[in-house]
Amino acid sequence: MKKGKGLFRQSILSSQKRSLQSDVPHATCKTIKEPGLACIGVQSVARLIFKLGSVIMLASRAFLAKQAAATLARQPACLVHHGGDWGNWGNTNIAVVFSGCGWWDGTDVHEAAYTMYHLSRNGARFQIFAPNQQQMHVMDHMKMQPSTSDNRNMMMESARFSHGQGTMQMNDLAKLDVNSFDAVIFPGGHGIVKNLSTFSKDGKDCKLNNDVERVMKEFHRARKPIGLSSMAPLLACRVLPSLEVTMGYERDETSRWGRWPNTSMVQAVKSMGARHNTREPYEAYVDEKNKVISTPSFMWETDYHYHYIFDGIGNMVKHVMRMTAK
């Protein structure tokens, strides 16, 4: 009886095996008509399909990773670096040039702080400089009027950004040596047009502070990156030929988000021979040929959207660091 059950079960299994083999396409199953070759079988076909699926999945992952990287590269926020993706981590030296302390008569405090923050975040060492000279005037930032009874030194005012220790100590711009630094950055503020140049008086025919002009030309000649925010492109465009920069919009398009009241400076830059490119305040424009990176920042006046300025300066610093690695 047991022998009969065994034969019956064996007959059923043989029938199922023939049925499965008959379902396999002839293109994928080599029959015994080819001597020495056995049928691949259902399991082999399944393994082949599994391997093909794995290859497709890996290719899809690589494609998605590439797309994600491209998307991240276009984001306004500065990339967070912990391993030195840009520049030489911990050994990239950046000079930062100030023109006083305060939007209306020196370097804007936000642009200065954001610049130093992003340099720190990107692993750079930096030192701050300013001319050891008197500034044009002192503004009452409450009344928006010049003070007639006060006169201040640019270097002493800029020292407010320094903690006064080690390499963070304030330095005289006259002592800035291009050979000691990998790049230079000029944050914005009205000190650009009042203290570092005569633009507020002479417009497009302005003259630059002697050391500012020297620094610009030396870094450009040495093929080292120059970072510029808000009004600072005026300085570079005045003494360097054929630059491409951004100062934001070319006309004031006031909205509930903000306004562009200094578009006359954009026209001045164009009259100096530079090419202007429209960008949002959170973006940066990169002149790869001249290694000049600019961002509109506070050329765009806003009451509370300061994070856009923060992101724009972050993008500028990111590209400055990238170019120091070349």
Protein backbone atom coordinates (compact mmCIF):
# COMPACT_ATOMS: atom_id res chain seq x y z
CA MET A 1 0.00 0.00 0.00
CA LYS A 2 2.79 2.37 0.96
CA LYS A 3 4.58 1.48 -2.27
CA GLY A 4 1.48 2.44 -4.26
CA LYS A 5 1.21 5.80 -2.50
CA GLY A 6 4.88 6.45 -3.25
CA LEU A 7 4.46 5.73 -6.92
CA PHE A 8 1.38 7.92 -7.06
CA ARG A 9 3.23 10.88 -5.43
CA GLN A 10 6.22 10.42 -7.77
CA SER A 11 3.89 10.44 -10.77
CA ILE A 12 2.32 13.73 -9.63
CA LEU A 13 5.73 15.42 -9.09
CA SER A 14 6.96 14.27 -12.53
CA SER A 15 3.83 15.70 -14.10
CA GLN A 16 4.30 19.07 -12.32
CA LYS A 17 7.95 19.23 -13.40
CA ARG A 18 7.04 18.65 -17.06
CA SER A 19 4.34 21.29 -16.79
CA LEU A 20 6.75 23.89 -15.37
CA GLN A 21 9.39 23.13 -18.00
CA SER A 22 6.85 23.51 -20.76
CA ASP A 23 6.03 27.03 -19.47
CA VAL A 24 9.62 28.24 -19.87
CA PRO A 25 10.15 30.16 -23.18
CA HIS A 26 12.27 28.32 -25.70
CA ALA A 27 14.64 31.33 -25.95
CA THR A 28 15.64 30.92 -22.32
CA CYS A 29 15.69 27.16 -22.02
CA LYS A 30 18.30 25.16 -23.82
CA THR A 31 16.92 21.69 -24.47
CA ILE A 32 18.78 18.41 -24.55
CA LYS A 33 18.80 18.68 -28.35
CA GLU A 34 22.12 20.52 -27.82
CA PRO A 35 24.44 17.80 -26.52
CA GLY A 36 26.15 18.52 -23.20
CA LEU A 37 23.74 21.31 -22.21
CA ALA A 38 20.97 20.87 -19.69
CA CYS A 39 17.84 22.89 -19.44
CA ILE A 40 18.34 26.06 -17.41
CA GLY A 41 15.10 25.48 -15.61
CA VAL A 42 12.68 27.71 -13.79
CA GLN A 43 15.04 28.44 -10.90
CA SER A 44 17.80 29.63 -13.25
CA VAL A 45 15.38 31.94 -15.05
CA ALA A 46 14.21 33.30 -11.70
CA ARG A 47 17.80 33.95 -10.66
CA LEU A 48 18.45 35.72 -13.97
CA ILE A 49 15.38 37.93 -13.51
CA PHE A 50 16.45 38.69 -9.92
CA LYS A 51 19.92 39.74 -11.09
CA LEU A 52 18.49 41.96 -13.82
CA GLY A 53 16.18 43.55 -11.28
CA SER A 54 19.13 44.21 -8.96
CA VAL A 55 21.08 45.88 -11.77
CA ILE A 56 18.10 48.09 -12.65
CA MET A 57 17.59 48.99 -8.98
CA LEU A 58 21.25 49.98 -8.54
CA ALA A 59 21.14 52.06 -11.71
CA SER A 60 18.00 53.79 -10.45
CA ARG A 61 19.65 54.52 -7.12
CA ALA A 62 22.69 56.03 -8.85
CA PHE A 63 20.44 58.18 -11.04
CA LEU A 64 18.40 59.37 -8.05
CA ALA A 65 21.57 60.14 -6.07
CA LYS A 66 22.88 62.21 -8.98
CA GLN A 67 19.58 64.09 -9.22
CA ALA A 68 19.55 64.71 -5.47
CA ALA A 69 23.10 66.06 -5.57
CA ALA A 70 22.20 68.40 -8.42
CA THR A 71 19.15 69.62 -6.49
CA LEU A 72 21.17 70.24 -3.32
CA ALA A 73 23.75 72.20 -5.30
CA ARG A 74 21.01 74.63 -6.35
CA GLN A 75 19.68 75.15 -2.83
CA PRO A 76 20.08 78.60 -1.24
CA ALA A 77 21.31 77.26 2.08
CA CYS A 78 25.04 76.78 2.48
CA LEU A 79 26.13 73.16 2.59
CA VAL A 80 27.20 71.99 6.04
CA HIS A 81 30.76 70.72 5.95
CA HIS A 82 32.38 68.51 8.52
CA GLY A 83 35.05 66.91 6.36
CA GLY A 84 36.25 69.74 4.17
CA ASP A 85 34.28 69.26 0.95
CA TRP A 86 35.49 72.67 -0.20
CA GLY A 87 38.95 74.11 0.19
CA ASN A 88 41.61 72.71 2.47
CA TRP A 89 39.71 72.09 5.70
CA GLY A 90 41.24 74.08 8.57
CA ASN A 91 44.07 75.41 6.41
CA THR A 92 42.26 77.82 4.08
CA ASN A 93 43.09 81.41 5.03
CA ILE A 94 40.62 84.14 4.09
CA ALA A 95 41.08 87.90 4.49
CA VAL A 96 37.87 89.82 5.29
CA VAL A 97 37.91 93.59 4.70
CA PHE A 98 35.63 95.92 6.69
CA SER A 99 34.95 99.64 6.33
CA GLY A 100 33.62 100.54 9.78
CA CYS A 101 30.66 99.29 11.78
CA GLY A 102 27.08 100.01 10.71
CA TRP A 103 25.03 99.89 7.52
CA TRP A 104 24.88 103.65 6.93
CA ASP A 105 28.53 104.55 7.55
CA GLY A 106 30.54 101.31 7.50
CA THR A 107 30.16 97.54 7.11
CA ASP A 108 26.70 96.14 7.75
CA VAL A 109 26.71 94.13 10.99
CA HIS A 110 24.59 91.32 9.53
CA GLU A 111 26.73 90.88 6.43
CA ALA A 112 29.87 90.89 8.56
CA ALA A 113 28.52 88.34 11.04
CA TYR A 114 27.01 86.09 8.35
CA THR A 115 30.30 86.10 6.43
CA MET A 116 32.32 85.08 9.49
CA TYR A 117 29.74 82.45 10.44
CA HIS A 118 29.80 80.77 7.03
CA LEU A 119 33.58 80.89 6.86
CA SER A 120 33.70 79.17 10.23
CA ARG A 121 31.09 76.62 9.16
CA ASN A 122 33.10 75.84 6.03
CA GLY A 123 36.29 75.28 8.01
CA ALA A 124 38.18 78.43 7.00
CA ARG A 125 40.62 80.45 9.03
CA PHE A 126 40.10 84.16 8.60
CA GLN A 127 41.49 87.51 9.66
CA ILE A 128 39.74 90.87 9.50
CA PHE A 129 41.21 94.06 8.09
CA ALA A 130 40.24 97.71 7.68
CA PRO A 131 42.03 100.90 6.61
CA ASN A 132 43.61 102.76 9.51
CA GLN A 133 41.98 106.01 8.40
CA GLN A 134 39.10 108.28 9.33
CA GLN A 135 35.73 107.41 7.85
CA MET A 136 33.75 109.92 5.81
CA HIS A 137 31.28 110.67 8.63
CA VAL A 138 29.36 109.08 11.47
CA MET A 139 25.68 108.39 10.95
CA ASP A 140 23.01 108.46 13.62
CA HIS A 141 21.30 105.19 12.75
CA MET A 142 18.15 106.22 14.62
CA LYS A 143 17.65 109.58 12.92
CA MET A 144 19.32 108.55 9.65
CA GLN A 145 21.36 111.74 9.80
CA PRO A 146 25.12 112.46 9.93
CA SER A 147 26.52 113.47 13.29
CA THR A 148 28.38 116.77 13.08
CA SER A 149 30.17 116.37 16.40
CA ASP A 150 31.78 112.97 15.87
CA ASN A 151 34.52 111.50 13.69
CA ARG A 152 35.73 107.93 13.86
CA ASN A 153 38.52 105.70 12.59
CA MET A 154 37.54 102.81 10.28
CA MET A 155 39.92 100.36 11.88
CA MET A 156 38.77 101.20 15.42
CA GLU A 157 35.12 100.92 14.42
CA SER A 158 35.69 97.64 12.60
CA ALA A 159 37.40 96.25 15.70
CA ARG A 160 33.89 95.94 17.17
CA PHE A 161 33.60 92.76 15.08
CA SER A 162 36.72 91.30 16.68
CA HIS A 163 37.10 89.54 19.99
CA GLY A 164 40.62 90.92 20.13
CA GLN A 165 42.39 87.60 20.56
CA GLY A 166 44.94 85.91 18.34
CA THR A 167 44.21 85.92 14.61
CA MET A 168 40.84 87.54 15.23
CA GLN A 169 42.56 90.77 16.26
CA MET A 170 41.87 93.73 13.99
CA ASN A 171 44.53 94.30 11.31
CA ASP A 172 45.57 97.32 9.30
CA LEU A 173 44.63 96.85 5.63
CA ALA A 174 48.01 98.29 4.64
CA LYS A 175 49.61 95.12 6.04
CA LEU A 176 47.46 92.66 4.08
CA ASP A 177 49.83 90.40 2.10
CA VAL A 178 48.23 88.50 -0.77
CA ASN A 179 50.77 85.68 -0.36
CA SER A 180 49.42 84.90 3.13
CA PHE A 181 45.82 84.33 2.07
CA ASP A 182 43.85 82.11 -0.30
CA ALA A 183 40.99 84.56 -0.94
CA VAL A 184 39.56 87.92 0.12
CA ILE A 185 35.97 88.92 0.93
CA PHE A 186 34.43 92.41 1.11
CA PRO A 187 31.10 92.48 2.99
CA GLY A 188 28.76 95.32 2.06
CA GLY A 189 27.40 98.46 3.66
CA HIS A 190 27.55 102.17 2.83
CA GLY A 191 31.17 102.17 3.95
CA ILE A 192 31.88 100.74 0.49
CA VAL A 193 30.75 103.96 -1.20
CA LYS A 194 31.76 106.39 1.56
CA ASN A 195 34.99 105.05 3.08
CA LEU A 196 36.57 102.52 0.72
CA SER A 197 35.77 104.66 -2.32
CA THR A 198 34.49 108.13 -3.27
CA PHE A 199 31.45 106.71 -5.07
CA SER A 200 28.97 108.63 -2.89
CA LYS A 201 30.51 111.86 -4.22
CA ASP A 202 31.92 110.99 -7.64
CA GLY A 203 29.68 108.17 -8.86
CA LYS A 204 31.06 105.94 -11.63
CA ASP A 205 34.23 108.07 -11.82
CA CYS A 206 35.08 107.37 -8.19
CA LYS A 207 38.51 106.61 -6.78
CA LEU A 208 39.28 103.72 -4.46
CA ASN A 209 41.23 103.73 -1.24
CA ASN A 210 44.84 102.99 -2.23
CA ASP A 211 45.07 99.77 -0.23
CA VAL A 212 41.66 98.58 -1.42
CA GLU A 213 42.74 99.03 -5.03
CA ARG A 214 46.04 97.28 -4.34
CA VAL A 215 44.34 94.31 -2.67
CA MET A 216 41.81 93.93 -5.49
CA LYS A 217 44.48 93.95 -8.18
CA GLU A 218 46.87 91.66 -6.33
CA PHE A 219 44.30 88.96 -5.62
CA HIS A 220 43.01 89.15 -9.18
CA ARG A 221 46.54 88.92 -10.58
CA ALA A 222 47.28 85.94 -8.33
CA ARG A 223 44.11 84.16 -9.56
CA LYS A 224 42.71 84.01 -6.03
CA PRO A 225 38.94 84.28 -5.36
CA ILE A 226 37.32 87.60 -4.48
CA GLY A 227 33.98 87.50 -2.63
CA LEU A 228 31.67 90.53 -2.73
CA SER A 229 28.30 91.29 -1.14
CA SER A 230 25.71 94.04 -1.69
CA MET A 231 27.57 97.23 -2.81
CA ALA A 232 31.06 95.73 -2.86
CA PRO A 233 31.03 94.79 -6.59
CA LEU A 234 31.43 98.54 -7.26
CA LEU A 235 34.99 98.32 -5.96
CA ALA A 236 36.01 95.40 -8.16
CA CYS A 237 34.29 96.70 -11.28
CA ARG A 238 36.04 100.05 -10.95
CA VAL A 239 39.57 98.62 -11.15
CA LEU A 240 39.23 95.17 -12.77
CA PRO A 241 38.24 94.70 -16.43
CA SER A 242 35.40 92.68 -17.93
CA LEU A 243 33.83 91.34 -14.74
CA GLU A 244 30.46 89.63 -14.39
CA VAL A 245 28.67 90.38 -11.13
CA THR A 246 25.27 90.63 -9.49
CA MET A 247 23.83 93.34 -7.30
CA GLY A 248 20.29 91.98 -7.47
CA TYR A 249 17.65 93.59 -9.67
CA GLU A 250 18.22 96.31 -12.25
CA ARG A 251 15.04 98.16 -11.32
CA ASP A 252 13.09 98.57 -8.12
CA GLU A 253 10.34 95.96 -8.04
CA THR A 254 8.82 96.74 -4.67
CA SER A 255 6.66 94.05 -3.14
CA ARG A 256 5.41 93.09 0.29
CA TRP A 257 8.55 90.98 0.64
CA GLY A 258 11.05 93.79 0.04
CA ARG A 259 12.35 96.45 -2.34
CA TRP A 260 15.41 97.33 -4.43
CA PRO A 261 16.15 101.03 -3.78
CA ASN A 262 19.80 101.14 -4.93
CA THR A 263 19.45 100.17 -8.57
CA SER A 264 21.36 103.30 -9.65
CA MET A 265 24.50 101.50 -8.46
CA VAL A 266 23.71 98.66 -10.87
CA GLN A 267 23.66 101.13 -13.74
CA ALA A 268 26.99 102.56 -12.55
CA VAL A 269 28.56 99.09 -12.55
CA LYS A 270 27.36 98.53 -16.11
CA SER A 271 28.82 101.88 -17.18
CA MET A 272 32.18 100.74 -15.75
CA GLY A 273 32.21 97.94 -18.32
CA ALA A 274 30.94 95.08 -16.18
CA ARG A 275 28.17 92.69 -17.14
CA HIS A 276 25.35 92.59 -14.60
CA ASN A 277 23.29 89.48 -13.90
CA THR A 278 19.96 89.60 -12.08
CA ARG A 279 19.83 87.39 -9.00
CA GLU A 280 17.67 86.97 -5.93
CA PRO A 281 19.04 87.99 -2.50
CA TYR A 282 19.57 84.35 -1.52
CA GLU A 283 21.63 83.58 -4.63
CA ALA A 284 25.20 84.20 -5.70
CA TYR A 285 26.67 84.79 -9.15
CA VAL A 286 30.01 83.20 -10.03
CA ASP A 287 32.37 84.71 -12.58
CA GLU A 288 34.44 81.57 -13.12
CA LYS A 289 36.91 83.26 -15.44
CA ASN A 290 37.87 86.05 -13.03
CA LYS A 291 37.14 84.11 -9.82
CA VAL A 292 34.80 86.84 -8.58
CA ILE A 293 31.73 85.77 -6.60
CA SER A 294 28.99 88.24 -5.72
CA THR A 295 25.63 88.19 -3.92
CA PRO A 296 22.98 90.96 -3.66
CA SER A 297 22.35 90.58 0.11
CA PHE A 298 21.14 93.95 1.49
CA MET A 299 20.85 95.63 -1.89
CA TRP A 300 17.42 94.12 -1.27
CA GLU A 301 15.79 95.92 1.65
CA THR A 302 13.54 93.74 3.76
CA ASP A 303 11.98 94.23 7.15
CA TYR A 304 12.30 90.68 8.43
CA HIS A 305 13.36 88.17 5.72
CA TYR A 306 16.97 88.17 6.88
CA HIS A 307 17.34 84.44 6.27
CA TYR A 308 17.49 85.17 2.54
CA ILE A 309 20.52 87.39 3.14
CA PHE A 310 22.06 84.70 5.32
CA ASP A 311 21.62 82.10 2.57
CA GLY A 312 22.97 84.39 -0.16
CA ILE A 313 26.16 85.09 1.76
CA GLY A 314 26.39 81.36 2.49
CA ASN A 315 26.32 80.61 -1.21
CA MET A 316 28.96 83.24 -1.90
CA VAL A 317 31.26 81.81 0.78
CA LYS A 318 30.63 78.27 -0.50
CA HIS A 319 31.90 79.20 -3.96
CA VAL A 320 34.86 81.15 -2.59
CA MET A 321 35.88 78.02 -0.69
CA ARG A 322 35.33 75.84 -3.76
CA MET A 323 37.62 78.03 -5.82
CA THR A 324 40.41 77.98 -3.25
CA ALA A 325 40.57 74.21 -3.77
CA LYS A 326 41.43 74.52 -7.45
